[in-house]
Amino acid sequence: MPKIPIRYKDFAFTADYDGFLIKLRTNPPLRVYEEFISGELPRICAALATMTLESNVVDEADEPLDLTSIEGWRSVPLDLLEQAAVMLKAALTIPKASGTGSSTLSSPEPVPSPTTTT
């Protein structure tokens, strides 16, 4: 029985985060995509954790961060999270319904900047 393929992309960072690589899934299930575009920081972190396949990100003490976990994403600086979200958004495509009942691939809706909740 065929399985849904997992497509991914390696995202390389520059400037302060030069050398960091994060491999993210680019064809997540719709429920994960909905979390990613929610605009709510905890939900975005959960979606990113689900889509992270590998990373070499380390914290200030040179300890690896597990970005396959929500807590790992909550431990990265906000600007790194935003860079990852922007790069991932550009790599995602979702089906767009047409009037003929078929679907075509299109760019996803813009991802709002993450907001903090109190």
PDB file of N, CA and C in Angstrom:
ATOM      1  N   MET A   1       0.854  -1.176   0.000  1.00  0.00           N
ATOM      2  CA  MET A   1       0.000   0.000   0.000  1.00  0.00           C
ATOM      3  C   MET A   1       0.899   1.238   0.000  1.00  0.00           C
ATOM      4  N   PRO A   2       0.660   2.179  -0.911  1.00  0.00           N
ATOM      5  CA  PRO A   2       1.489   3.394  -0.932  1.00  0.00           C
ATOM      6  C   PRO A   2       1.241   4.270   0.288  1.00  0.00           C
ATOM      7  N   LYS A   3       2.283   4.984   0.691  1.00  0.00           N
ATOM      8  CA  LYS A   3       2.182   5.920   1.806  1.00  0.00           C
ATOM      9  C   LYS A   3       2.337   7.344   1.280  1.00  0.00           C
ATOM     10  N   ILE A   4       1.793   8.286   2.022  1.00  0.00           N
ATOM     11  CA  ILE A   4       1.981   9.691   1.682  1.00  0.00           C
ATOM     12  C   ILE A   4       3.470  10.012   1.839  1.00  0.00           C
ATOM     13  N   PRO A   5       4.080  10.575   0.816  1.00  0.00           N
ATOM     14  CA  PRO A   5       5.500  10.915   0.943  1.00  0.00           C
ATOM     15  C   PRO A   5       5.698  12.099   1.878  1.00  0.00           C
ATOM     16  N   ILE A   6       6.831  12.119   2.526  1.00  0.00           N
ATOM     17  CA  ILE A   6       7.189  13.256   3.366  1.00  0.00           C
ATOM     18  C   ILE A   6       8.194  14.083   2.578  1.00  0.00           C
ATOM     19  N   ARG A   7       7.769  15.292   2.184  1.00  0.00           N
ATOM     20  CA  ARG A   7       8.669  16.211   1.493  1.00  0.00           C
ATOM     21  C   ARG A   7       9.256  17.148   2.543  1.00  0.00           C
ATOM     22  N   TYR A   8      10.494  17.519   2.340  1.00  0.00           N
ATOM     23  CA  TYR A   8      11.150  18.400   3.304  1.00  0.00           C
ATOM     24  C   TYR A   8      12.144  19.297   2.593  1.00  0.00           C
ATOM     25  N   LYS A   9      12.593  20.277   3.327  1.00  0.00           N
ATOM     26  CA  LYS A   9      13.620  21.186   2.824  1.00  0.00           C
ATOM     27  C   LYS A   9      14.555  21.511   3.975  1.00  0.00           C
ATOM     28  N   ASP A  10      15.841  21.619   3.665  1.00  0.00           N
ATOM     29  CA  ASP A  10      16.835  22.060   4.638  1.00  0.00           C
ATOM     30  C   ASP A  10      16.898  23.579   4.593  1.00  0.00           C
ATOM     31  N   PHE A  11      16.691  24.217   5.731  1.00  0.00           N
ATOM     32  CA  PHE A  11      16.728  25.668   5.826  1.00  0.00           C
ATOM     33  C   PHE A  11      18.016  26.075   6.524  1.00  0.00           C
ATOM     34  N   ALA A  12      18.823  26.892   5.845  1.00  0.00           N
ATOM     35  CA  ALA A  12      20.093  27.365   6.395  1.00  0.00           C
ATOM     36  C   ALA A  12      19.919  28.807   6.849  1.00  0.00           C
ATOM     37  N   PHE A  13      20.496  29.120   7.976  1.00  0.00           N
ATOM     38  CA  PHE A  13      20.390  30.452   8.566  1.00  0.00           C
ATOM     39  C   PHE A  13      21.698  31.209   8.382  1.00  0.00           C
ATOM     40  N   THR A  14      21.615  32.526   8.454  1.00  0.00           N
ATOM     41  CA  THR A  14      22.796  33.381   8.275  1.00  0.00           C
ATOM     42  C   THR A  14      22.879  34.366   9.437  1.00  0.00           C
ATOM     43  N   ALA A  15      23.807  35.287   9.318  1.00  0.00           N
ATOM     44  CA  ALA A  15      24.023  36.343  10.318  1.00  0.00           C
ATOM     45  C   ALA A  15      24.306  35.713  11.680  1.00  0.00           C
ATOM     46  N   ASP A  16      23.574  36.117  12.708  1.00  0.00           N
ATOM     47  CA  ASP A  16      23.826  35.614  14.067  1.00  0.00           C
ATOM     48  C   ASP A  16      23.666  34.098  14.175  1.00  0.00           C
ATOM     49  N   TYR A  17      22.919  33.508  13.270  1.00  0.00           N
ATOM     50  CA  TYR A  17      22.620  32.076  13.340  1.00  0.00           C
ATOM     51  C   TYR A  17      23.296  31.301  12.219  1.00  0.00           C
ATOM     52  N   ASP A  18      24.377  31.854  11.692  1.00  0.00           N
ATOM     53  CA  ASP A  18      25.122  31.220  10.612  1.00  0.00           C
ATOM     54  C   ASP A  18      25.545  29.817  11.034  1.00  0.00           C
ATOM     55  N   GLY A  19      25.311  28.862  10.165  1.00  0.00           N
ATOM     56  CA  GLY A  19      25.678  27.476  10.438  1.00  0.00           C
ATOM     57  C   GLY A  19      24.537  26.636  10.954  1.00  0.00           C
ATOM     58  N   PHE A  20      23.478  27.260  11.450  1.00  0.00           N
ATOM     59  CA  PHE A  20      22.319  26.491  11.901  1.00  0.00           C
ATOM     60  C   PHE A  20      21.551  25.982  10.690  1.00  0.00           C
ATOM     61  N   LEU A  21      21.166  24.713  10.754  1.00  0.00           N
ATOM     62  CA  LEU A  21      20.344  24.076   9.724  1.00  0.00           C
ATOM     63  C   LEU A  21      19.149  23.421  10.395  1.00  0.00           C
ATOM     64  N   ILE A  22      17.996  23.593   9.784  1.00  0.00           N
ATOM     65  CA  ILE A  22      16.789  22.930  10.278  1.00  0.00           C
ATOM     66  C   ILE A  22      16.103  22.285   9.087  1.00  0.00           C
ATOM     67  N   LYS A  23      15.858  20.981   9.179  1.00  0.00           N
ATOM     68  CA  LYS A  23      15.147  20.249   8.133  1.00  0.00           C
ATOM     69  C   LYS A  23      13.669  20.206   8.532  1.00  0.00           C
ATOM     70  N   LEU A  24      12.829  20.864   7.710  1.00  0.00           N
ATOM     71  CA  LEU A  24      11.402  20.969   8.010  1.00  0.00           C
ATOM     72  C   LEU A  24      10.569  20.307   6.929  1.00  0.00           C
ATOM     73  N   ARG A  25       9.527  19.638   7.352  1.00  0.00           N
ATOM     74  CA  ARG A  25       8.573  19.027   6.417  1.00  0.00           C
ATOM     75  C   ARG A  25       7.827  20.135   5.689  1.00  0.00           C
ATOM     76  N   THR A  26       7.691  20.003   4.367  1.00  0.00           N
ATOM     77  CA  THR A  26       7.015  21.019   3.573  1.00  0.00           C
ATOM     78  C   THR A  26       5.654  20.565   3.061  1.00  0.00           C
ATOM     79  N   ASN A  27       5.228  19.375   3.434  1.00  0.00           N
ATOM     80  CA  ASN A  27       3.879  18.926   3.083  1.00  0.00           C
ATOM     81  C   ASN A  27       3.174  18.359   4.326  1.00  0.00           C
ATOM     82  N   PRO A  28       2.992  19.213   5.341  1.00  0.00           N
ATOM     83  CA  PRO A  28       2.382  18.721   6.583  1.00  0.00           C
ATOM     84  C   PRO A  28       0.894  18.434   6.389  1.00  0.00           C
ATOM     85  N   PRO A  29       0.317  17.634   7.278  1.00  0.00           N
ATOM     86  CA  PRO A  29      -1.134  17.452   7.259  1.00  0.00           C
ATOM     87  C   PRO A  29      -1.840  18.795   7.468  1.00  0.00           C
ATOM     88  N   LEU A  30      -3.038  18.906   6.977  1.00  0.00           N
ATOM     89  CA  LEU A  30      -3.787  20.162   7.058  1.00  0.00           C
ATOM     90  C   LEU A  30      -3.912  20.655   8.497  1.00  0.00           C
ATOM     91  N   ARG A  31      -4.156  19.754   9.455  1.00  0.00           N
ATOM     92  CA  ARG A  31      -4.303  20.177  10.850  1.00  0.00           C
ATOM     93  C   ARG A  31      -3.042  20.868  11.363  1.00  0.00           C
ATOM     94  N   VAL A  32      -1.876  20.416  10.904  1.00  0.00           N
ATOM     95  CA  VAL A  32      -0.607  21.038  11.307  1.00  0.00           C
ATOM     96  C   VAL A  32      -0.455  22.385  10.611  1.00  0.00           C
ATOM     97  N   TYR A  33      -0.821  22.459   9.345  1.00  0.00           N
ATOM     98  CA  TYR A  33      -0.768  23.724   8.608  1.00  0.00           C
ATOM     99  C   TYR A  33      -1.667  24.759   9.278  1.00  0.00           C
ATOM    100  N   GLU A  34      -2.861  24.358   9.697  1.00  0.00           N
ATOM    101  CA  GLU A  34      -3.780  25.280  10.374  1.00  0.00           C
ATOM    102  C   GLU A  34      -3.164  25.826  11.662  1.00  0.00           C
ATOM    103  N   GLU A  35      -2.445  24.986  12.393  1.00  0.00           N
ATOM    104  CA  GLU A  35      -1.750  25.437  13.600  1.00  0.00           C
ATOM    105  C   GLU A  35      -0.668  26.453  13.232  1.00  0.00           C
ATOM    106  N   PHE A  36       0.063  26.163  12.156  1.00  0.00           N
ATOM    107  CA  PHE A  36       1.169  27.020  11.730  1.00  0.00           C
ATOM    108  C   PHE A  36       0.691  28.415  11.342  1.00  0.00           C
ATOM    109  N   ILE A  37      -0.454  28.526  10.697  1.00  0.00           N
ATOM    110  CA  ILE A  37      -0.940  29.838  10.249  1.00  0.00           C
ATOM    111  C   ILE A  37      -1.859  30.502  11.264  1.00  0.00           C
ATOM    112  N   SER A  38      -2.000  29.925  12.450  1.00  0.00           N
ATOM    113  CA  SER A  38      -2.935  30.430  13.453  1.00  0.00           C
ATOM    114  C   SER A  38      -2.592  31.837  13.963  1.00  0.00           C
ATOM    115  N   GLY A  39      -1.306  32.204  13.936  1.00  0.00           N
ATOM    116  CA  GLY A  39      -0.895  33.486  14.494  1.00  0.00           C
ATOM    117  C   GLY A  39      -0.681  33.452  15.992  1.00  0.00           C
ATOM    118  N   GLU A  40      -0.906  32.306  16.613  1.00  0.00           N
ATOM    119  CA  GLU A  40      -0.730  32.150  18.064  1.00  0.00           C
ATOM    120  C   GLU A  40       0.582  31.418  18.322  1.00  0.00           C
ATOM    121  N   LEU A  41       1.463  32.061  19.051  1.00  0.00           N
ATOM    122  CA  LEU A  41       2.802  31.538  19.260  1.00  0.00           C
ATOM    123  C   LEU A  41       2.829  30.095  19.780  1.00  0.00           C
ATOM    124  N   PRO A  42       2.049  29.712  20.784  1.00  0.00           N
ATOM    125  CA  PRO A  42       2.103  28.314  21.237  1.00  0.00           C
ATOM    126  C   PRO A  42       1.706  27.318  20.142  1.00  0.00           C
ATOM    127  N   ARG A  43       0.732  27.686  19.324  1.00  0.00           N
ATOM    128  CA  ARG A  43       0.285  26.804  18.238  1.00  0.00           C
ATOM    129  C   ARG A  43       1.322  26.749  17.113  1.00  0.00           C
ATOM    130  N   ILE A  44       1.981  27.877  16.841  1.00  0.00           N
ATOM    131  CA  ILE A  44       3.042  27.893  15.829  1.00  0.00           C
ATOM    132  C   ILE A  44       4.199  27.002  16.281  1.00  0.00           C
ATOM    133  N   CYS A  45       4.584  27.095  17.555  1.00  0.00           N
ATOM    134  CA  CYS A  45       5.660  26.247  18.085  1.00  0.00           C
ATOM    135  C   CYS A  45       5.287  24.775  17.986  1.00  0.00           C
ATOM    136  N   ALA A  46       4.044  24.443  18.282  1.00  0.00           N
ATOM    137  CA  ALA A  46       3.592  23.048  18.189  1.00  0.00           C
ATOM    138  C   ALA A  46       3.680  22.560  16.747  1.00  0.00           C
ATOM    139  N   ALA A  47       3.253  23.397  15.797  1.00  0.00           N
ATOM    140  CA  ALA A  47       3.308  23.010  14.391  1.00  0.00           C
ATOM    141  C   ALA A  47       4.757  22.849  13.929  1.00  0.00           C
ATOM    142  N   LEU A  48       5.614  23.795  14.301  1.00  0.00           N
ATOM    143  CA  LEU A  48       7.019  23.698  13.915  1.00  0.00           C
ATOM    144  C   LEU A  48       7.658  22.444  14.498  1.00  0.00           C
ATOM    145  N   ALA A  49       7.320  22.105  15.732  1.00  0.00           N
ATOM    146  CA  ALA A  49       7.856  20.885  16.343  1.00  0.00           C
ATOM    147  C   ALA A  49       7.422  19.655  15.558  1.00  0.00           C
ATOM    148  N   THR A  50       6.184  19.637  15.109  1.00  0.00           N
ATOM    149  CA  THR A  50       5.671  18.510  14.331  1.00  0.00           C
ATOM    150  C   THR A  50       6.370  18.419  12.972  1.00  0.00           C
ATOM    151  N   MET A  51       6.691  19.572  12.379  1.00  0.00           N
ATOM    152  CA  MET A  51       7.296  19.586  11.045  1.00  0.00           C
ATOM    153  C   MET A  51       8.812  19.456  11.060  1.00  0.00           C
ATOM    154  N   THR A  52       9.445  19.600  12.231  1.00  0.00           N
ATOM    155  CA  THR A  52      10.909  19.502  12.308  1.00  0.00           C
ATOM    156  C   THR A  52      11.340  18.044  12.234  1.00  0.00           C
ATOM    157  N   LEU A  53      12.226  17.757  11.294  1.00  0.00           N
ATOM    158  CA  LEU A  53      12.765  16.409  11.148  1.00  0.00           C
ATOM    159  C   LEU A  53      14.157  16.300  11.759  1.00  0.00           C
ATOM    160  N   GLU A  54      14.968  17.351  11.601  1.00  0.00           N
ATOM    161  CA  GLU A  54      16.327  17.385  12.151  1.00  0.00           C
ATOM    162  C   GLU A  54      16.743  18.830  12.339  1.00  0.00           C
ATOM    163  N   SER A  55      17.697  19.051  13.233  1.00  0.00           N
ATOM    164  CA  SER A  55      18.295  20.385  13.362  1.00  0.00           C
ATOM    165  C   SER A  55      19.634  20.269  14.075  1.00  0.00           C
ATOM    166  N   ASN A  56      20.439  21.309  13.918  1.00  0.00           N
ATOM    167  CA  ASN A  56      21.710  21.364  14.641  1.00  0.00           C
ATOM    168  C   ASN A  56      21.773  22.613  15.524  1.00  0.00           C
ATOM    169  N   VAL A  57      20.623  23.121  15.929  1.00  0.00           N
ATOM    170  CA  VAL A  57      20.551  24.346  16.727  1.00  0.00           C
ATOM    171  C   VAL A  57      20.965  24.046  18.167  1.00  0.00           C
ATOM    172  N   VAL A  58      21.829  24.909  18.697  1.00  0.00           N
ATOM    173  CA  VAL A  58      22.278  24.778  20.082  1.00  0.00           C
ATOM    174  C   VAL A  58      21.977  26.074  20.826  1.00  0.00           C
ATOM    175  N   ASP A  59      21.870  25.973  22.138  1.00  0.00           N
ATOM    176  CA  ASP A  59      21.574  27.155  22.959  1.00  0.00           C
ATOM    177  C   ASP A  59      22.862  27.886  23.323  1.00  0.00           C
ATOM    178  N   GLU A  60      22.734  28.875  24.208  1.00  0.00           N
ATOM    179  CA  GLU A  60      23.868  29.704  24.610  1.00  0.00           C
ATOM    180  C   GLU A  60      24.975  28.905  25.300  1.00  0.00           C
ATOM    181  N   ALA A  61      24.616  27.775  25.906  1.00  0.00           N
ATOM    182  CA  ALA A  61      25.591  26.933  26.593  1.00  0.00           C
ATOM    183  C   ALA A  61      26.121  25.827  25.688  1.00  0.00           C
ATOM    184  N   ASP A  62      25.841  25.936  24.379  1.00  0.00           N
ATOM    185  CA  ASP A  62      26.279  24.959  23.378  1.00  0.00           C
ATOM    186  C   ASP A  62      25.606  23.600  23.554  1.00  0.00           C
ATOM    187  N   GLU A  63      24.428  23.592  24.171  1.00  0.00           N
ATOM    188  CA  GLU A  63      23.649  22.367  24.329  1.00  0.00           C
ATOM    189  C   GLU A  63      22.639  22.269  23.192  1.00  0.00           C
ATOM    190  N   PRO A  64      22.496  21.084  22.581  1.00  0.00           N
ATOM    191  CA  PRO A  64      21.538  20.936  21.481  1.00  0.00           C
ATOM    192  C   PRO A  64      20.109  21.188  21.947  1.00  0.00           C
ATOM    193  N   LEU A  65      19.339  21.860  21.095  1.00  0.00           N
ATOM    194  CA  LEU A  65      17.915  22.064  21.360  1.00  0.00           C
ATOM    195  C   LEU A  65      17.128  21.047  20.538  1.00  0.00           C
ATOM    196  N   ASP A  66      16.201  20.367  21.174  1.00  0.00           N
ATOM    197  CA  ASP A  66      15.368  19.387  20.484  1.00  0.00           C
ATOM    198  C   ASP A  66      14.191  20.116  19.842  1.00  0.00           C
ATOM    199  N   LEU A  67      14.338  20.467  18.563  1.00  0.00           N
ATOM    200  CA  LEU A  67      13.288  21.216  17.893  1.00  0.00           C
ATOM    201  C   LEU A  67      12.154  20.327  17.400  1.00  0.00           C
ATOM    202  N   THR A  68      12.197  19.030  17.730  1.00  0.00           N
ATOM    203  CA  THR A  68      11.038  18.174  17.465  1.00  0.00           C
ATOM    204  C   THR A  68      10.063  18.258  18.644  1.00  0.00           C
ATOM    205  N   SER A  69      10.401  19.109  19.614  1.00  0.00           N
ATOM    206  CA  SER A  69       9.520  19.306  20.773  1.00  0.00           C
ATOM    207  C   SER A  69       9.069  20.765  20.840  1.00  0.00           C
ATOM    208  N   ILE A  70       7.912  20.976  21.414  1.00  0.00           N
ATOM    209  CA  ILE A  70       7.404  22.338  21.602  1.00  0.00           C
ATOM    210  C   ILE A  70       8.368  23.119  22.483  1.00  0.00           C
ATOM    211  N   GLU A  71       8.845  22.483  23.544  1.00  0.00           N
ATOM    212  CA  GLU A  71       9.759  23.166  24.473  1.00  0.00           C
ATOM    213  C   GLU A  71      11.037  23.599  23.766  1.00  0.00           C
ATOM    214  N   GLY A  72      11.528  22.794  22.817  1.00  0.00           N
ATOM    215  CA  GLY A  72      12.707  23.173  22.049  1.00  0.00           C
ATOM    216  C   GLY A  72      12.472  24.463  21.275  1.00  0.00           C
ATOM    217  N   TRP A  73      11.326  24.576  20.588  1.00  0.00           N
ATOM    218  CA  TRP A  73      11.015  25.795  19.837  1.00  0.00           C
ATOM    219  C   TRP A  73      10.778  26.973  20.780  1.00  0.00           C
ATOM    220  N   ARG A  74      10.257  26.719  21.969  1.00  0.00           N
ATOM    221  CA  ARG A  74      10.041  27.798  22.933  1.00  0.00           C
ATOM    222  C   ARG A  74      11.367  28.288  23.515  1.00  0.00           C
ATOM    223  N   SER A  75      12.456  27.552  23.263  1.00  0.00           N
ATOM    224  CA  SER A  75      13.774  27.919  23.784  1.00  0.00           C
ATOM    225  C   SER A  75      14.627  28.695  22.785  1.00  0.00           C
ATOM    226  N   VAL A  76      14.167  28.830  21.542  1.00  0.00           N
ATOM    227  CA  VAL A  76      14.955  29.574  20.560  1.00  0.00           C
ATOM    228  C   VAL A  76      14.598  31.061  20.630  1.00  0.00           C
ATOM    229  N   PRO A  77      15.511  31.929  20.246  1.00  0.00           N
ATOM    230  CA  PRO A  77      15.187  33.353  20.206  1.00  0.00           C
ATOM    231  C   PRO A  77      14.039  33.620  19.214  1.00  0.00           C
ATOM    232  N   LEU A  78      13.247  34.623  19.518  1.00  0.00           N
ATOM    233  CA  LEU A  78      12.080  34.931  18.689  1.00  0.00           C
ATOM    234  C   LEU A  78      12.469  35.221  17.246  1.00  0.00           C
ATOM    235  N   ASP A  79      13.594  35.917  17.029  1.00  0.00           N
ATOM    236  CA  ASP A  79      13.962  36.231  15.649  1.00  0.00           C
ATOM    237  C   ASP A  79      14.352  34.982  14.856  1.00  0.00           C
ATOM    238  N   LEU A  80      14.911  33.972  15.516  1.00  0.00           N
ATOM    239  CA  LEU A  80      15.209  32.711  14.832  1.00  0.00           C
ATOM    240  C   LEU A  80      13.911  31.997  14.471  1.00  0.00           C
ATOM    241  N   LEU A  81      12.958  31.988  15.396  1.00  0.00           N
ATOM    242  CA  LEU A  81      11.656  31.377  15.127  1.00  0.00           C
ATOM    243  C   LEU A  81      10.982  32.082  13.943  1.00  0.00           C
ATOM    244  N   GLU A  82      11.028  33.413  13.940  1.00  0.00           N
ATOM    245  CA  GLU A  82      10.407  34.168  12.848  1.00  0.00           C
ATOM    246  C   GLU A  82      11.078  33.884  11.512  1.00  0.00           C
ATOM    247  N   GLN A  83      12.413  33.796  11.501  1.00  0.00           N
ATOM    248  CA  GLN A  83      13.116  33.468  10.262  1.00  0.00           C
ATOM    249  C   GLN A  83      12.698  32.091   9.753  1.00  0.00           C
ATOM    250  N   ALA A  84      12.614  31.120  10.661  1.00  0.00           N
ATOM    251  CA  ALA A  84      12.205  29.778  10.262  1.00  0.00           C
ATOM    252  C   ALA A  84      10.784  29.792   9.698  1.00  0.00           C
ATOM    253  N   ALA A  85       9.881  30.524  10.359  1.00  0.00           N
ATOM    254  CA  ALA A  85       8.491  30.581   9.902  1.00  0.00           C
ATOM    255  C   ALA A  85       8.388  31.229   8.525  1.00  0.00           C
ATOM    256  N   VAL A  86       9.131  32.286   8.290  1.00  0.00           N
ATOM    257  CA  VAL A  86       9.086  32.976   6.996  1.00  0.00           C
ATOM    258  C   VAL A  86       9.625  32.065   5.890  1.00  0.00           C
ATOM    259  N   MET A  87      10.752  31.402   6.149  1.00  0.00           N
ATOM    260  CA  MET A  87      11.331  30.511   5.133  1.00  0.00           C
ATOM    261  C   MET A  87      10.410  29.327   4.854  1.00  0.00           C
ATOM    262  N   LEU A  88       9.819  28.775   5.914  1.00  0.00           N
ATOM    263  CA  LEU A  88       8.915  27.643   5.728  1.00  0.00           C
ATOM    264  C   LEU A  88       7.677  28.072   4.961  1.00  0.00           C
ATOM    265  N   LYS A  89       7.118  29.228   5.296  1.00  0.00           N
ATOM    266  CA  LYS A  89       5.924  29.724   4.605  1.00  0.00           C
ATOM    267  C   LYS A  89       6.178  29.810   3.106  1.00  0.00           C
ATOM    268  N   ALA A  90       7.358  30.288   2.733  1.00  0.00           N
ATOM    269  CA  ALA A  90       7.692  30.425   1.320  1.00  0.00           C
ATOM    270  C   ALA A  90       7.815  29.067   0.625  1.00  0.00           C
ATOM    271  N   ALA A  91       8.107  28.025   1.382  1.00  0.00           N
ATOM    272  CA  ALA A  91       8.294  26.691   0.795  1.00  0.00           C
ATOM    273  C   ALA A  91       7.010  25.872   0.747  1.00  0.00           C
ATOM    274  N   LEU A  92       5.996  26.277   1.500  1.00  0.00           N
ATOM    275  CA  LEU A  92       4.748  25.514   1.556  1.00  0.00           C
ATOM    276  C   LEU A  92       3.849  25.834   0.369  1.00  0.00           C
ATOM    277  N   THR A  93       3.140  24.833  -0.097  1.00  0.00           N
ATOM    278  CA  THR A  93       2.085  25.037  -1.079  1.00  0.00           C
ATOM    279  C   THR A  93       0.867  24.265  -0.610  1.00  0.00           C
ATOM    280  N   ILE A  94      -0.297  24.797  -0.892  1.00  0.00           N
ATOM    281  CA  ILE A  94      -1.527  24.103  -0.532  1.00  0.00           C
ATOM    282  C   ILE A  94      -2.439  24.050  -1.746  1.00  0.00           C
ATOM    283  N   PRO A  95      -3.293  23.021  -1.821  1.00  0.00           N
ATOM    284  CA  PRO A  95      -4.228  22.956  -2.942  1.00  0.00           C
ATOM    285  C   PRO A  95      -5.215  24.111  -2.883  1.00  0.00           C
ATOM    286  N   LYS A  96      -5.514  24.669  -4.026  1.00  0.00           N
ATOM    287  CA  LYS A  96      -6.496  25.748  -4.116  1.00  0.00           C
ATOM    288  C   LYS A  96      -7.632  25.250  -5.002  1.00  0.00           C
ATOM    289  N   ALA A  97      -8.836  25.249  -4.470  1.00  0.00           N
ATOM    290  CA  ALA A  97      -9.982  24.744  -5.221  1.00  0.00           C
ATOM    291  C   ALA A  97     -10.271  25.637  -6.412  1.00  0.00           C
ATOM    292  N   SER A  98     -10.617  25.016  -7.523  1.00  0.00           N
ATOM    293  CA  SER A  98     -11.015  25.784  -8.700  1.00  0.00           C
ATOM    294  C   SER A  98     -12.497  25.532  -8.961  1.00  0.00           C
ATOM    295  N   GLY A  99     -13.063  26.279  -9.861  1.00  0.00           N
ATOM    296  CA  GLY A  99     -14.478  26.134 -10.179  1.00  0.00           C
ATOM    297  C   GLY A  99     -14.823  24.824 -10.848  1.00  0.00           C
ATOM    298  N   THR A 100     -13.824  24.064 -11.320  1.00  0.00           N
ATOM    299  CA  THR A 100     -14.086  22.817 -12.027  1.00  0.00           C
ATOM    300  C   THR A 100     -14.114  21.616 -11.095  1.00  0.00           C
ATOM    301  N   GLY A 101     -13.899  21.848  -9.819  1.00  0.00           N
ATOM    302  CA  GLY A 101     -13.890  20.731  -8.875  1.00  0.00           C
ATOM    303  C   GLY A 101     -12.515  20.119  -8.710  1.00  0.00           C
ATOM    304  N   SER A 102     -11.541  20.562  -9.489  1.00  0.00           N
ATOM    305  CA  SER A 102     -10.186  20.061  -9.319  1.00  0.00           C
ATOM    306  C   SER A 102      -9.416  21.047  -8.461  1.00  0.00           C
ATOM    307  N   SER A 103      -8.199  20.710  -8.122  1.00  0.00           N
ATOM    308  CA  SER A 103      -7.412  21.639  -7.316  1.00  0.00           C
ATOM    309  C   SER A 103      -6.088  21.906  -8.008  1.00  0.00           C
ATOM    310  N   THR A 104      -5.544  23.048  -7.733  1.00  0.00           N
ATOM    311  CA  THR A 104      -4.239  23.429  -8.255  1.00  0.00           C
ATOM    312  C   THR A 104      -3.386  23.869  -7.084  1.00  0.00           C
ATOM    313  N   LEU A 105      -2.088  23.844  -7.270  1.00  0.00           N
ATOM    314  CA  LEU A 105      -1.205  24.270  -6.189  1.00  0.00           C
ATOM    315  C   LEU A 105      -1.040  25.774  -6.229  1.00  0.00           C
ATOM    316  N   SER A 106      -1.033  26.368  -5.070  1.00  0.00           N
ATOM    317  CA  SER A 106      -0.855  27.809  -4.965  1.00  0.00           C
ATOM    318  C   SER A 106      -0.003  28.114  -3.752  1.00  0.00           C
ATOM    319  N   SER A 107       0.396  29.348  -3.642  1.00  0.00           N
ATOM    320  CA  SER A 107       1.132  29.773  -2.457  1.00  0.00           C
ATOM    321  C   SER A 107       0.180  29.821  -1.279  1.00  0.00           C
ATOM    322  N   PRO A 108       0.666  29.535  -0.084  1.00  0.00           N
ATOM    323  CA  PRO A 108      -0.196  29.581   1.095  1.00  0.00           C
ATOM    324  C   PRO A 108      -0.538  31.011   1.480  1.00  0.00           C
ATOM    325  N   GLU A 109      -1.517  31.125   2.343  1.00  0.00           N
ATOM    326  CA  GLU A 109      -1.873  32.429   2.884  1.00  0.00           C
ATOM    327  C   GLU A 109      -0.692  32.940   3.697  1.00  0.00           C
ATOM    328  N   PRO A 110      -0.539  34.247   3.808  1.00  0.00           N
ATOM    329  CA  PRO A 110       0.568  34.782   4.604  1.00  0.00           C
ATOM    330  C   PRO A 110       0.486  34.318   6.059  1.00  0.00           C
ATOM    331  N   VAL A 111       1.617  34.039   6.642  1.00  0.00           N
ATOM    332  CA  VAL A 111       1.673  33.650   8.045  1.00  0.00           C
ATOM    333  C   VAL A 111       1.807  34.920   8.861  1.00  0.00           C
ATOM    334  N   PRO A 112       0.862  35.147   9.782  1.00  0.00           N
ATOM    335  CA  PRO A 112       0.996  36.338  10.611  1.00  0.00           C
ATOM    336  C   PRO A 112       2.219  36.220  11.503  1.00  0.00           C
ATOM    337  N   SER A 113       2.781  37.359  11.880  1.00  0.00           N
ATOM    338  CA  SER A 113       3.903  37.320  12.818  1.00  0.00           C
ATOM    339  C   SER A 113       3.438  36.694  14.116  1.00  0.00           C
ATOM    340  N   PRO A 114       4.276  35.867  14.721  1.00  0.00           N
ATOM    341  CA  PRO A 114       3.886  35.263  15.989  1.00  0.00           C
ATOM    342  C   PRO A 114       3.592  36.334  17.033  1.00  0.00           C
ATOM    343  N   THR A 115       2.565  36.085  17.817  1.00  0.00           N
ATOM    344  CA  THR A 115       2.231  36.989  18.910  1.00  0.00           C
ATOM    345  C   THR A 115       2.324  36.220  20.209  1.00  0.00           C
ATOM    346  N   THR A 116       2.653  36.927  21.239  1.00  0.00           N
ATOM    347  CA  THR A 116       2.724  36.274  22.537  1.00  0.00           C
ATOM    348  C   THR A 116       1.355  36.344  23.189  1.00  0.00           C
ATOM    349  N   THR A 117       1.085  35.339  24.011  1.00  0.00           N
ATOM    350  CA  THR A 117      -0.163  35.321  24.749  1.00  0.00           C
ATOM    351  C   THR A 117       0.151  35.480  26.218  1.00  0.00           C
ATOM    352  N   THR A 118      -0.751  36.109  26.919  1.00  0.00           N
ATOM    353  CA  THR A 118      -0.512  36.320  28.346  1.00  0.00           C
ATOM    354  C   THR A 118      -1.476  35.517  29.162  1.00  0.00           C
TER     355      THR A 118
END
